[in-house]
Amino acid sequence: MSDWIDVAAVEDFLPGTHRVITIDDMPVVVFNVGGHYYAVQNLCTHEDAELSEGTLEGEEIVCPLHGARFSVVTGVVLGPPAYENLRTFPVVAANGRVQVDAAAVGEASG
């Protein structure tokens, strides 16, 4: 069974913004892209730069350190120097709250 962790109220989480949470020592960044919510690990797979400090361009996050590009929808690398995909995590918007599946984060960090 999943344990859903609150990220923010839907009304306070505007399109084009993000929130950072930590679950089981794993930093996770949650994006609102046009009213759809996506969660990925908050560390670039090339170097340990925080992706939350990067630039969101549509459905892509650009790493602030060396410019690696990733899809926030799928976690797939879209541009070098990274070559390893990001971990992604289930997100729901239910009862006015945006939530991330903590069980999925725990599985990824374990």
PDB file of N, CA and C in Angstrom:
ATOM      1  N   MET A   1       0.840  -1.188   0.000  1.00  0.00           N
ATOM      2  CA  MET A   1       0.000   0.000   0.000  1.00  0.00           C
ATOM      3  C   MET A   1       0.883   1.248   0.000  1.00  0.00           C
ATOM      4  N   SER A   2       0.474   2.273  -0.693  1.00  0.00           N
ATOM      5  CA  SER A   2       1.251   3.491  -0.839  1.00  0.00           C
ATOM      6  C   SER A   2       1.035   4.444   0.325  1.00  0.00           C
ATOM      7  N   ASP A   3       2.084   5.183   0.649  1.00  0.00           N
ATOM      8  CA  ASP A   3       2.018   6.262   1.622  1.00  0.00           C
ATOM      9  C   ASP A   3       2.237   7.549   0.857  1.00  0.00           C
ATOM     10  N   TRP A   4       1.206   8.359   0.764  1.00  0.00           N
ATOM     11  CA  TRP A   4       1.288   9.590  -0.013  1.00  0.00           C
ATOM     12  C   TRP A   4       1.687  10.736   0.898  1.00  0.00           C
ATOM     13  N   ILE A   5       2.703  11.491   0.486  1.00  0.00           N
ATOM     14  CA  ILE A   5       3.235  12.615   1.249  1.00  0.00           C
ATOM     15  C   ILE A   5       2.769  13.913   0.613  1.00  0.00           C
ATOM     16  N   ASP A   6       2.217  14.802   1.427  1.00  0.00           N
ATOM     17  CA  ASP A   6       1.771  16.101   0.941  1.00  0.00           C
ATOM     18  C   ASP A   6       2.940  16.939   0.449  1.00  0.00           C
ATOM     19  N   VAL A   7       2.728  17.581  -0.682  1.00  0.00           N
ATOM     20  CA  VAL A   7       3.697  18.514  -1.255  1.00  0.00           C
ATOM     21  C   VAL A   7       3.192  19.938  -1.084  1.00  0.00           C
ATOM     22  N   ALA A   8       1.946  20.174  -1.495  1.00  0.00           N
ATOM     23  CA  ALA A   8       1.357  21.508  -1.428  1.00  0.00           C
ATOM     24  C   ALA A   8      -0.120  21.426  -1.755  1.00  0.00           C
ATOM     25  N   ALA A   9      -0.820  22.498  -1.427  1.00  0.00           N
ATOM     26  CA  ALA A   9      -2.211  22.629  -1.871  1.00  0.00           C
ATOM     27  C   ALA A   9      -2.204  22.938  -3.362  1.00  0.00           C
ATOM     28  N   VAL A  10      -3.115  22.338  -4.104  1.00  0.00           N
ATOM     29  CA  VAL A  10      -3.212  22.571  -5.551  1.00  0.00           C
ATOM     30  C   VAL A  10      -3.302  24.070  -5.837  1.00  0.00           C
ATOM     31  N   GLU A  11      -4.089  24.781  -5.079  1.00  0.00           N
ATOM     32  CA  GLU A  11      -4.290  26.217  -5.316  1.00  0.00           C
ATOM     33  C   GLU A  11      -3.038  27.054  -5.082  1.00  0.00           C
ATOM     34  N   ASP A  12      -2.093  26.536  -4.298  1.00  0.00           N
ATOM     35  CA  ASP A  12      -0.845  27.256  -4.014  1.00  0.00           C
ATOM     36  C   ASP A  12       0.316  26.818  -4.901  1.00  0.00           C
ATOM     37  N   PHE A  13       0.086  25.840  -5.779  1.00  0.00           N
ATOM     38  CA  PHE A  13       1.150  25.248  -6.586  1.00  0.00           C
ATOM     39  C   PHE A  13       0.868  25.600  -8.044  1.00  0.00           C
ATOM     40  N   LEU A  14       1.296  26.774  -8.451  1.00  0.00           N
ATOM     41  CA  LEU A  14       0.960  27.322  -9.765  1.00  0.00           C
ATOM     42  C   LEU A  14       1.753  26.672 -10.895  1.00  0.00           C
ATOM     43  N   PRO A  15       1.197  26.638 -12.107  1.00  0.00           N
ATOM     44  CA  PRO A  15       1.928  26.120 -13.263  1.00  0.00           C
ATOM     45  C   PRO A  15       3.261  26.845 -13.449  1.00  0.00           C
ATOM     46  N   GLY A  16       4.278  26.067 -13.803  1.00  0.00           N
ATOM     47  CA  GLY A  16       5.618  26.618 -14.014  1.00  0.00           C
ATOM     48  C   GLY A  16       6.451  26.696 -12.752  1.00  0.00           C
ATOM     49  N   THR A  17       5.889  26.257 -11.622  1.00  0.00           N
ATOM     50  CA  THR A  17       6.635  26.292 -10.368  1.00  0.00           C
ATOM     51  C   THR A  17       7.008  24.882  -9.929  1.00  0.00           C
ATOM     52  N   HIS A  18       7.798  24.817  -8.880  1.00  0.00           N
ATOM     53  CA  HIS A  18       8.203  23.520  -8.341  1.00  0.00           C
ATOM     54  C   HIS A  18       8.276  23.592  -6.823  1.00  0.00           C
ATOM     55  N   ARG A  19       8.320  22.431  -6.203  1.00  0.00           N
ATOM     56  CA  ARG A  19       8.495  22.294  -4.762  1.00  0.00           C
ATOM     57  C   ARG A  19       9.522  21.195  -4.535  1.00  0.00           C
ATOM     58  N   VAL A  20      10.335  21.363  -3.515  1.00  0.00           N
ATOM     59  CA  VAL A  20      11.329  20.349  -3.150  1.00  0.00           C
ATOM     60  C   VAL A  20      10.925  19.736  -1.819  1.00  0.00           C
ATOM     61  N   ILE A  21      10.947  18.403  -1.777  1.00  0.00           N
ATOM     62  CA  ILE A  21      10.685  17.677  -0.544  1.00  0.00           C
ATOM     63  C   ILE A  21      11.784  16.642  -0.369  1.00  0.00           C
ATOM     64  N   THR A  22      11.916  16.136   0.845  1.00  0.00           N
ATOM     65  CA  THR A  22      12.857  15.053   1.116  1.00  0.00           C
ATOM     66  C   THR A  22      12.071  13.900   1.710  1.00  0.00           C
ATOM     67  N   ILE A  23      12.226  12.740   1.115  1.00  0.00           N
ATOM     68  CA  ILE A  23      11.570  11.531   1.598  1.00  0.00           C
ATOM     69  C   ILE A  23      12.639  10.464   1.766  1.00  0.00           C
ATOM     70  N   ASP A  24      12.768   9.928   2.973  1.00  0.00           N
ATOM     71  CA  ASP A  24      13.767   8.888   3.250  1.00  0.00           C
ATOM     72  C   ASP A  24      15.149   9.311   2.772  1.00  0.00           C
ATOM     73  N   ASP A  25      15.543  10.529   3.088  1.00  0.00           N
ATOM     74  CA  ASP A  25      16.860  11.084   2.731  1.00  0.00           C
ATOM     75  C   ASP A  25      17.060  11.311   1.234  1.00  0.00           C
ATOM     76  N   MET A  26      16.013  11.139   0.433  1.00  0.00           N
ATOM     77  CA  MET A  26      16.139  11.404  -0.994  1.00  0.00           C
ATOM     78  C   MET A  26      15.470  12.734  -1.329  1.00  0.00           C
ATOM     79  N   PRO A  27      16.241  13.675  -1.909  1.00  0.00           N
ATOM     80  CA  PRO A  27      15.630  14.920  -2.348  1.00  0.00           C
ATOM     81  C   PRO A  27      14.840  14.689  -3.632  1.00  0.00           C
ATOM     82  N   VAL A  28      13.606  15.186  -3.636  1.00  0.00           N
ATOM     83  CA  VAL A  28      12.692  15.023  -4.762  1.00  0.00           C
ATOM     84  C   VAL A  28      12.172  16.409  -5.134  1.00  0.00           C
ATOM     85  N   VAL A  29      12.143  16.702  -6.427  1.00  0.00           N
ATOM     86  CA  VAL A  29      11.558  17.958  -6.892  1.00  0.00           C
ATOM     87  C   VAL A  29      10.288  17.634  -7.653  1.00  0.00           C
ATOM     88  N   VAL A  30       9.227  18.367  -7.320  1.00  0.00           N
ATOM     89  CA  VAL A  30       7.918  18.173  -7.935  1.00  0.00           C
ATOM     90  C   VAL A  30       7.615  19.414  -8.767  1.00  0.00           C
ATOM     91  N   PHE A  31       7.272  19.208 -10.029  1.00  0.00           N
ATOM     92  CA  PHE A  31       6.997  20.295 -10.962  1.00  0.00           C
ATOM     93  C   PHE A  31       5.521  20.342 -11.303  1.00  0.00           C
ATOM     94  N   ASN A  32       5.005  21.545 -11.505  1.00  0.00           N
ATOM     95  CA  ASN A  32       3.684  21.749 -12.080  1.00  0.00           C
ATOM     96  C   ASN A  32       3.910  22.259 -13.489  1.00  0.00           C
ATOM     97  N   VAL A  33       3.622  21.416 -14.461  1.00  0.00           N
ATOM     98  CA  VAL A  33       3.783  21.782 -15.871  1.00  0.00           C
ATOM     99  C   VAL A  33       2.386  21.839 -16.477  1.00  0.00           C
ATOM    100  N   GLY A  34       1.870  23.041 -16.611  1.00  0.00           N
ATOM    101  CA  GLY A  34       0.550  23.225 -17.212  1.00  0.00           C
ATOM    102  C   GLY A  34      -0.567  22.518 -16.471  1.00  0.00           C
ATOM    103  N   GLY A  35      -0.456  22.420 -15.156  1.00  0.00           N
ATOM    104  CA  GLY A  35      -1.497  21.765 -14.366  1.00  0.00           C
ATOM    105  C   GLY A  35      -1.306  20.272 -14.201  1.00  0.00           C
ATOM    106  N   HIS A  36      -0.218  19.738 -14.737  1.00  0.00           N
ATOM    107  CA  HIS A  36       0.138  18.326 -14.554  1.00  0.00           C
ATOM    108  C   HIS A  36       1.362  18.274 -13.650  1.00  0.00           C
ATOM    109  N   TYR A  37       1.386  17.318 -12.733  1.00  0.00           N
ATOM    110  CA  TYR A  37       2.430  17.256 -11.719  1.00  0.00           C
ATOM    111  C   TYR A  37       3.362  16.073 -11.976  1.00  0.00           C
ATOM    112  N   TYR A  38       4.658  16.343 -11.853  1.00  0.00           N
ATOM    113  CA  TYR A  38       5.685  15.329 -12.090  1.00  0.00           C
ATOM    114  C   TYR A  38       6.742  15.426 -10.996  1.00  0.00           C
ATOM    115  N   ALA A  39       7.248  14.283 -10.565  1.00  0.00           N
ATOM    116  CA  ALA A  39       8.282  14.253  -9.527  1.00  0.00           C
ATOM    117  C   ALA A  39       9.477  13.466 -10.024  1.00  0.00           C
ATOM    118  N   VAL A  40      10.673  14.044  -9.827  1.00  0.00           N
ATOM    119  CA  VAL A  40      11.932  13.393 -10.188  1.00  0.00           C
ATOM    120  C   VAL A  40      12.932  13.612  -9.062  1.00  0.00           C
ATOM    121  N   GLN A  41      13.970  12.800  -9.064  1.00  0.00           N
ATOM    122  CA  GLN A  41      15.044  13.025  -8.096  1.00  0.00           C
ATOM    123  C   GLN A  41      15.589  14.429  -8.313  1.00  0.00           C
ATOM    124  N   ASN A  42      16.036  15.079  -7.235  1.00  0.00           N
ATOM    125  CA  ASN A  42      16.471  16.467  -7.340  1.00  0.00           C
ATOM    126  C   ASN A  42      17.967  16.601  -7.616  1.00  0.00           C
ATOM    127  N   LEU A  43      18.642  15.521  -7.893  1.00  0.00           N
ATOM    128  CA  LEU A  43      20.074  15.590  -8.191  1.00  0.00           C
ATOM    129  C   LEU A  43      20.347  15.149  -9.613  1.00  0.00           C
ATOM    130  N   CYS A  44      21.105  15.968 -10.330  1.00  0.00           N
ATOM    131  CA  CYS A  44      21.515  15.631 -11.690  1.00  0.00           C
ATOM    132  C   CYS A  44      22.328  14.341 -11.658  1.00  0.00           C
ATOM    133  N   THR A  45      22.145  13.496 -12.659  1.00  0.00           N
ATOM    134  CA  THR A  45      22.884  12.231 -12.711  1.00  0.00           C
ATOM    135  C   THR A  45      24.301  12.410 -13.246  1.00  0.00           C
ATOM    136  N   HIS A  46      24.624  13.583 -13.759  1.00  0.00           N
ATOM    137  CA  HIS A  46      25.979  13.857 -14.236  1.00  0.00           C
ATOM    138  C   HIS A  46      26.875  14.274 -13.075  1.00  0.00           C
ATOM    139  N   GLU A  47      26.457  15.266 -12.333  1.00  0.00           N
ATOM    140  CA  GLU A  47      27.127  15.722 -11.124  1.00  0.00           C
ATOM    141  C   GLU A  47      26.011  16.048 -10.152  1.00  0.00           C
ATOM    142  N   ASP A  48      26.309  16.053  -8.887  1.00  0.00           N
ATOM    143  CA  ASP A  48      25.252  16.204  -7.888  1.00  0.00           C
ATOM    144  C   ASP A  48      24.749  17.637  -7.733  1.00  0.00           C
ATOM    145  N   ALA A  49      24.341  18.257  -8.816  1.00  0.00           N
ATOM    146  CA  ALA A  49      23.745  19.585  -8.778  1.00  0.00           C
ATOM    147  C   ALA A  49      22.250  19.445  -8.527  1.00  0.00           C
ATOM    148  N   GLU A  50      21.677  20.380  -7.791  1.00  0.00           N
ATOM    149  CA  GLU A  50      20.250  20.370  -7.518  1.00  0.00           C
ATOM    150  C   GLU A  50      19.483  20.870  -8.740  1.00  0.00           C
ATOM    151  N   LEU A  51      18.668  19.994  -9.298  1.00  0.00           N
ATOM    152  CA  LEU A  51      17.893  20.357 -10.483  1.00  0.00           C
ATOM    153  C   LEU A  51      16.868  21.440 -10.179  1.00  0.00           C
ATOM    154  N   SER A  52      16.447  21.534  -8.942  1.00  0.00           N
ATOM    155  CA  SER A  52      15.492  22.580  -8.564  1.00  0.00           C
ATOM    156  C   SER A  52      16.075  23.977  -8.744  1.00  0.00           C
ATOM    157  N   GLU A  53      17.389  24.081  -8.868  1.00  0.00           N
ATOM    158  CA  GLU A  53      18.052  25.365  -9.111  1.00  0.00           C
ATOM    159  C   GLU A  53      18.192  25.644 -10.609  1.00  0.00           C
ATOM    160  N   GLY A  54      17.783  24.678 -11.432  1.00  0.00           N
ATOM    161  CA  GLY A  54      17.885  24.823 -12.885  1.00  0.00           C
ATOM    162  C   GLY A  54      16.700  25.562 -13.464  1.00  0.00           C
ATOM    163  N   THR A  55      16.610  25.536 -14.776  1.00  0.00           N
ATOM    164  CA  THR A  55      15.562  26.239 -15.504  1.00  0.00           C
ATOM    165  C   THR A  55      14.577  25.238 -16.088  1.00  0.00           C
ATOM    166  N   LEU A  56      13.286  25.462 -15.834  1.00  0.00           N
ATOM    167  CA  LEU A  56      12.238  24.640 -16.418  1.00  0.00           C
ATOM    168  C   LEU A  56      11.843  25.260 -17.753  1.00  0.00           C
ATOM    169  N   GLU A  57      12.007  24.482 -18.823  1.00  0.00           N
ATOM    170  CA  GLU A  57      11.653  24.928 -20.176  1.00  0.00           C
ATOM    171  C   GLU A  57      10.630  23.953 -20.736  1.00  0.00           C
ATOM    172  N   GLY A  58       9.363  24.310 -20.626  1.00  0.00           N
ATOM    173  CA  GLY A  58       8.301  23.391 -21.041  1.00  0.00           C
ATOM    174  C   GLY A  58       8.308  22.183 -20.129  1.00  0.00           C
ATOM    175  N   GLU A  59       8.531  21.000 -20.714  1.00  0.00           N
ATOM    176  CA  GLU A  59       8.590  19.753 -19.939  1.00  0.00           C
ATOM    177  C   GLU A  59      10.024  19.313 -19.684  1.00  0.00           C
ATOM    178  N   GLU A  60      10.980  20.224 -19.839  1.00  0.00           N
ATOM    179  CA  GLU A  60      12.397  19.896 -19.638  1.00  0.00           C
ATOM    180  C   GLU A  60      12.981  20.721 -18.505  1.00  0.00           C
ATOM    181  N   ILE A  61      13.829  20.070 -17.709  1.00  0.00           N
ATOM    182  CA  ILE A  61      14.593  20.770 -16.695  1.00  0.00           C
ATOM    183  C   ILE A  61      16.048  20.804 -17.165  1.00  0.00           C
ATOM    184  N   VAL A  62      16.660  21.978 -17.072  1.00  0.00           N
ATOM    185  CA  VAL A  62      18.043  22.167 -17.488  1.00  0.00           C
ATOM    186  C   VAL A  62      18.891  22.296 -16.224  1.00  0.00           C
ATOM    187  N   CYS A  63      19.874  21.426 -16.087  1.00  0.00           N
ATOM    188  CA  CYS A  63      20.742  21.437 -14.912  1.00  0.00           C
ATOM    189  C   CYS A  63      21.518  22.757 -14.846  1.00  0.00           C
ATOM    190  N   PRO A  64      21.592  23.367 -13.665  1.00  0.00           N
ATOM    191  CA  PRO A  64      22.275  24.657 -13.549  1.00  0.00           C
ATOM    192  C   PRO A  64      23.802  24.551 -13.629  1.00  0.00           C
ATOM    193  N   LEU A  65      24.349  23.361 -13.449  1.00  0.00           N
ATOM    194  CA  LEU A  65      25.800  23.223 -13.407  1.00  0.00           C
ATOM    195  C   LEU A  65      26.434  23.105 -14.790  1.00  0.00           C
ATOM    196  N   HIS A  66      26.008  22.139 -15.588  1.00  0.00           N
ATOM    197  CA  HIS A  66      26.611  21.912 -16.901  1.00  0.00           C
ATOM    198  C   HIS A  66      25.608  21.883 -18.053  1.00  0.00           C
ATOM    199  N   GLY A  67      24.329  22.157 -17.772  1.00  0.00           N
ATOM    200  CA  GLY A  67      23.346  22.258 -18.844  1.00  0.00           C
ATOM    201  C   GLY A  67      22.728  20.965 -19.331  1.00  0.00           C
ATOM    202  N   ALA A  68      22.926  19.853 -18.606  1.00  0.00           N
ATOM    203  CA  ALA A  68      22.252  18.617 -18.998  1.00  0.00           C
ATOM    204  C   ALA A  68      20.749  18.852 -18.980  1.00  0.00           C
ATOM    205  N   ARG A  69      20.047  18.180 -19.888  1.00  0.00           N
ATOM    206  CA  ARG A  69      18.600  18.362 -20.009  1.00  0.00           C
ATOM    207  C   ARG A  69      17.897  17.033 -19.759  1.00  0.00           C
ATOM    208  N   PHE A  70      16.774  17.117 -19.040  1.00  0.00           N
ATOM    209  CA  PHE A  70      15.986  15.936 -18.711  1.00  0.00           C
ATOM    210  C   PHE A  70      14.509  16.229 -18.917  1.00  0.00           C
ATOM    211  N   SER A  71      13.755  15.209 -19.287  1.00  0.00           N
ATOM    212  CA  SER A  71      12.296  15.302 -19.312  1.00  0.00           C
ATOM    213  C   SER A  71      11.806  15.158 -17.875  1.00  0.00           C
ATOM    214  N   VAL A  72      10.984  16.104 -17.417  1.00  0.00           N
ATOM    215  CA  VAL A  72      10.407  15.953 -16.086  1.00  0.00           C
ATOM    216  C   VAL A  72       9.250  14.954 -16.113  1.00  0.00           C
ATOM    217  N   VAL A  73       8.746  14.633 -17.297  1.00  0.00           N
ATOM    218  CA  VAL A  73       7.649  13.680 -17.448  1.00  0.00           C
ATOM    219  C   VAL A  73       8.168  12.248 -17.325  1.00  0.00           C
ATOM    220  N   THR A  74       9.262  11.940 -18.028  1.00  0.00           N
ATOM    221  CA  THR A  74       9.767  10.565 -18.087  1.00  0.00           C
ATOM    222  C   THR A  74      11.091  10.362 -17.365  1.00  0.00           C
ATOM    223  N   GLY A  75      11.811  11.446 -17.068  1.00  0.00           N
ATOM    224  CA  GLY A  75      13.133  11.352 -16.461  1.00  0.00           C
ATOM    225  C   GLY A  75      14.240  11.080 -17.458  1.00  0.00           C
ATOM    226  N   VAL A  76      13.908  10.933 -18.734  1.00  0.00           N
ATOM    227  CA  VAL A  76      14.884  10.584 -19.766  1.00  0.00           C
ATOM    228  C   VAL A  76      15.833  11.751 -20.030  1.00  0.00           C
ATOM    229  N   VAL A  77      17.116  11.422 -20.203  1.00  0.00           N
ATOM    230  CA  VAL A  77      18.114  12.421 -20.570  1.00  0.00           C
ATOM    231  C   VAL A  77      17.813  12.912 -21.976  1.00  0.00           C
ATOM    232  N   LEU A  78      17.791  14.229 -22.154  1.00  0.00           N
ATOM    233  CA  LEU A  78      17.524  14.818 -23.460  1.00  0.00           C
ATOM    234  C   LEU A  78      18.733  15.555 -24.018  1.00  0.00           C
ATOM    235  N   GLY A  79      19.754  15.769 -23.174  1.00  0.00           N
ATOM    236  CA  GLY A  79      20.947  16.466 -23.639  1.00  0.00           C
ATOM    237  C   GLY A  79      22.112  16.247 -22.701  1.00  0.00           C
ATOM    238  N   PRO A  80      23.327  16.141 -23.279  1.00  0.00           N
ATOM    239  CA  PRO A  80      24.523  15.896 -22.479  1.00  0.00           C
ATOM    240  C   PRO A  80      24.874  17.104 -21.607  1.00  0.00           C
ATOM    241  N   PRO A  81      25.762  16.911 -20.649  1.00  0.00           N
ATOM    242  CA  PRO A  81      26.688  15.794 -20.504  1.00  0.00           C
ATOM    243  C   PRO A  81      26.152  14.593 -19.730  1.00  0.00           C
ATOM    244  N   ALA A  82      24.942  14.656 -19.205  1.00  0.00           N
ATOM    245  CA  ALA A  82      24.381  13.499 -18.498  1.00  0.00           C
ATOM    246  C   ALA A  82      24.082  12.390 -19.489  1.00  0.00           C
ATOM    247  N   TYR A  83      24.160  11.165 -19.031  1.00  0.00           N
ATOM    248  CA  TYR A  83      23.803  10.020 -19.861  1.00  0.00           C
ATOM    249  C   TYR A  83      22.905   9.044 -19.109  1.00  0.00           C
ATOM    250  N   GLU A  84      22.705   9.276 -17.816  1.00  0.00           N
ATOM    251  CA  GLU A  84      21.870   8.406 -16.995  1.00  0.00           C
ATOM    252  C   GLU A  84      20.548   9.115 -16.700  1.00  0.00           C
ATOM    253  N   ASN A  85      19.432   8.422 -16.902  1.00  0.00           N
ATOM    254  CA  ASN A  85      18.112   8.987 -16.673  1.00  0.00           C
ATOM    255  C   ASN A  85      17.864   9.283 -15.200  1.00  0.00           C
ATOM    256  N   LEU A  86      16.910  10.163 -14.936  1.00  0.00           N
ATOM    257  CA  LEU A  86      16.474  10.468 -13.578  1.00  0.00           C
ATOM    258  C   LEU A  86      15.454   9.442 -13.112  1.00  0.00           C
ATOM    259  N   ARG A  87      15.377   9.233 -11.815  1.00  0.00           N
ATOM    260  CA  ARG A  87      14.281   8.451 -11.254  1.00  0.00           C
ATOM    261  C   ARG A  87      13.039   9.333 -11.224  1.00  0.00           C
ATOM    262  N   THR A  88      11.908   8.751 -11.525  1.00  0.00           N
ATOM    263  CA  THR A  88      10.637   9.455 -11.464  1.00  0.00           C
ATOM    264  C   THR A  88       9.759   8.791 -10.408  1.00  0.00           C
ATOM    265  N   PHE A  89       8.776   9.535  -9.915  1.00  0.00           N
ATOM    266  CA  PHE A  89       7.929   9.033  -8.843  1.00  0.00           C
ATOM    267  C   PHE A  89       6.478   9.413  -9.101  1.00  0.00           C
ATOM    268  N   PRO A  90       5.539   8.542  -8.700  1.00  0.00           N
ATOM    269  CA  PRO A  90       4.122   8.836  -8.895  1.00  0.00           C
ATOM    270  C   PRO A  90       3.686  10.071  -8.107  1.00  0.00           C
ATOM    271  N   VAL A  91       2.865  10.887  -8.758  1.00  0.00           N
ATOM    272  CA  VAL A  91       2.296  12.086  -8.147  1.00  0.00           C
ATOM    273  C   VAL A  91       0.797  12.088  -8.427  1.00  0.00           C
ATOM    274  N   VAL A  92       0.019  12.500  -7.429  1.00  0.00           N
ATOM    275  CA  VAL A  92      -1.422  12.667  -7.618  1.00  0.00           C
ATOM    276  C   VAL A  92      -1.853  14.025  -7.086  1.00  0.00           C
ATOM    277  N   ALA A  93      -2.942  14.510  -7.629  1.00  0.00           N
ATOM    278  CA  ALA A  93      -3.626  15.669  -7.077  1.00  0.00           C
ATOM    279  C   ALA A  93      -4.988  15.160  -6.630  1.00  0.00           C
ATOM    280  N   ALA A  94      -5.185  15.072  -5.314  1.00  0.00           N
ATOM    281  CA  ALA A  94      -6.423  14.524  -4.773  1.00  0.00           C
ATOM    282  C   ALA A  94      -6.860  15.347  -3.563  1.00  0.00           C
ATOM    283  N   ASN A  95      -8.140  15.586  -3.490  1.00  0.00           N
ATOM    284  CA  ASN A  95      -8.701  16.341  -2.366  1.00  0.00           C
ATOM    285  C   ASN A  95      -8.008  17.679  -2.165  1.00  0.00           C
ATOM    286  N   GLY A  96      -7.638  18.319  -3.272  1.00  0.00           N
ATOM    287  CA  GLY A  96      -7.030  19.642  -3.202  1.00  0.00           C
ATOM    288  C   GLY A  96      -5.567  19.655  -2.812  1.00  0.00           C
ATOM    289  N   ARG A  97      -4.927  18.487  -2.748  1.00  0.00           N
ATOM    290  CA  ARG A  97      -3.518  18.383  -2.347  1.00  0.00           C
ATOM    291  C   ARG A  97      -2.714  17.669  -3.430  1.00  0.00           C
ATOM    292  N   VAL A  98      -1.485  18.116  -3.637  1.00  0.00           N
ATOM    293  CA  VAL A  98      -0.540  17.418  -4.510  1.00  0.00           C
ATOM    294  C   VAL A  98       0.283  16.515  -3.602  1.00  0.00           C
ATOM    295  N   GLN A  99       0.405  15.243  -3.983  1.00  0.00           N
ATOM    296  CA  GLN A  99       1.091  14.266  -3.143  1.00  0.00           C
ATOM    297  C   GLN A  99       2.021  13.381  -3.968  1.00  0.00           C
ATOM    298  N   VAL A 100       3.114  12.939  -3.334  1.00  0.00           N
ATOM    299  CA  VAL A 100       4.076  12.023  -3.951  1.00  0.00           C
ATOM    300  C   VAL A 100       4.005  10.697  -3.204  1.00  0.00           C
ATOM    301  N   ASP A 101       4.152   9.606  -3.939  1.00  0.00           N
ATOM    302  CA  ASP A 101       4.124   8.268  -3.366  1.00  0.00           C
ATOM    303  C   ASP A 101       5.440   7.992  -2.643  1.00  0.00           C
ATOM    304  N   ALA A 102       5.422   8.081  -1.319  1.00  0.00           N
ATOM    305  CA  ALA A 102       6.627   7.884  -0.515  1.00  0.00           C
ATOM    306  C   ALA A 102       7.156   6.453  -0.621  1.00  0.00           C
ATOM    307  N   ALA A 103       6.270   5.493  -0.822  1.00  0.00           N
ATOM    308  CA  ALA A 103       6.715   4.105  -0.958  1.00  0.00           C
ATOM    309  C   ALA A 103       7.590   3.942  -2.186  1.00  0.00           C
ATOM    310  N   ALA A 104       7.245   4.611  -3.291  1.00  0.00           N
ATOM    311  CA  ALA A 104       8.044   4.535  -4.512  1.00  0.00           C
ATOM    312  C   ALA A 104       9.403   5.189  -4.313  1.00  0.00           C
ATOM    313  N   VAL A 105       9.450   6.286  -3.547  1.00  0.00           N
ATOM    314  CA  VAL A 105      10.717   6.945  -3.265  1.00  0.00           C
ATOM    315  C   VAL A 105      11.580   6.036  -2.418  1.00  0.00           C
ATOM    316  N   GLY A 106      10.984   5.409  -1.411  1.00  0.00           N
ATOM    317  CA  GLY A 106      11.720   4.475  -0.547  1.00  0.00           C
ATOM    318  C   GLY A 106      12.297   3.309  -1.329  1.00  0.00           C
ATOM    319  N   GLU A 107      11.542   2.787  -2.296  1.00  0.00           N
ATOM    320  CA  GLU A 107      12.022   1.685  -3.133  1.00  0.00           C
ATOM    321  C   GLU A 107      13.215   2.125  -3.978  1.00  0.00           C
ATOM    322  N   ALA A 108      13.178   3.371  -4.452  1.00  0.00           N
ATOM    323  CA  ALA A 108      14.257   3.876  -5.305  1.00  0.00           C
ATOM    324  C   ALA A 108      15.519   4.137  -4.517  1.00  0.00           C
ATOM    325  N   SER A 109      15.387   4.515  -3.246  1.00  0.00           N
ATOM    326  CA  SER A 109      16.574   4.844  -2.460  1.00  0.00           C
ATOM    327  C   SER A 109      17.131   3.616  -1.760  1.00  0.00           C
ATOM    328  N   GLY A 110      16.353   2.538  -1.710  1.00  0.00           N
ATOM    329  CA  GLY A 110      16.762   1.337  -0.986  1.00  0.00           C
ATOM    330  C   GLY A 110      17.477   0.445  -1.825  1.00  0.00           C
TER     331      GLY A 110
END
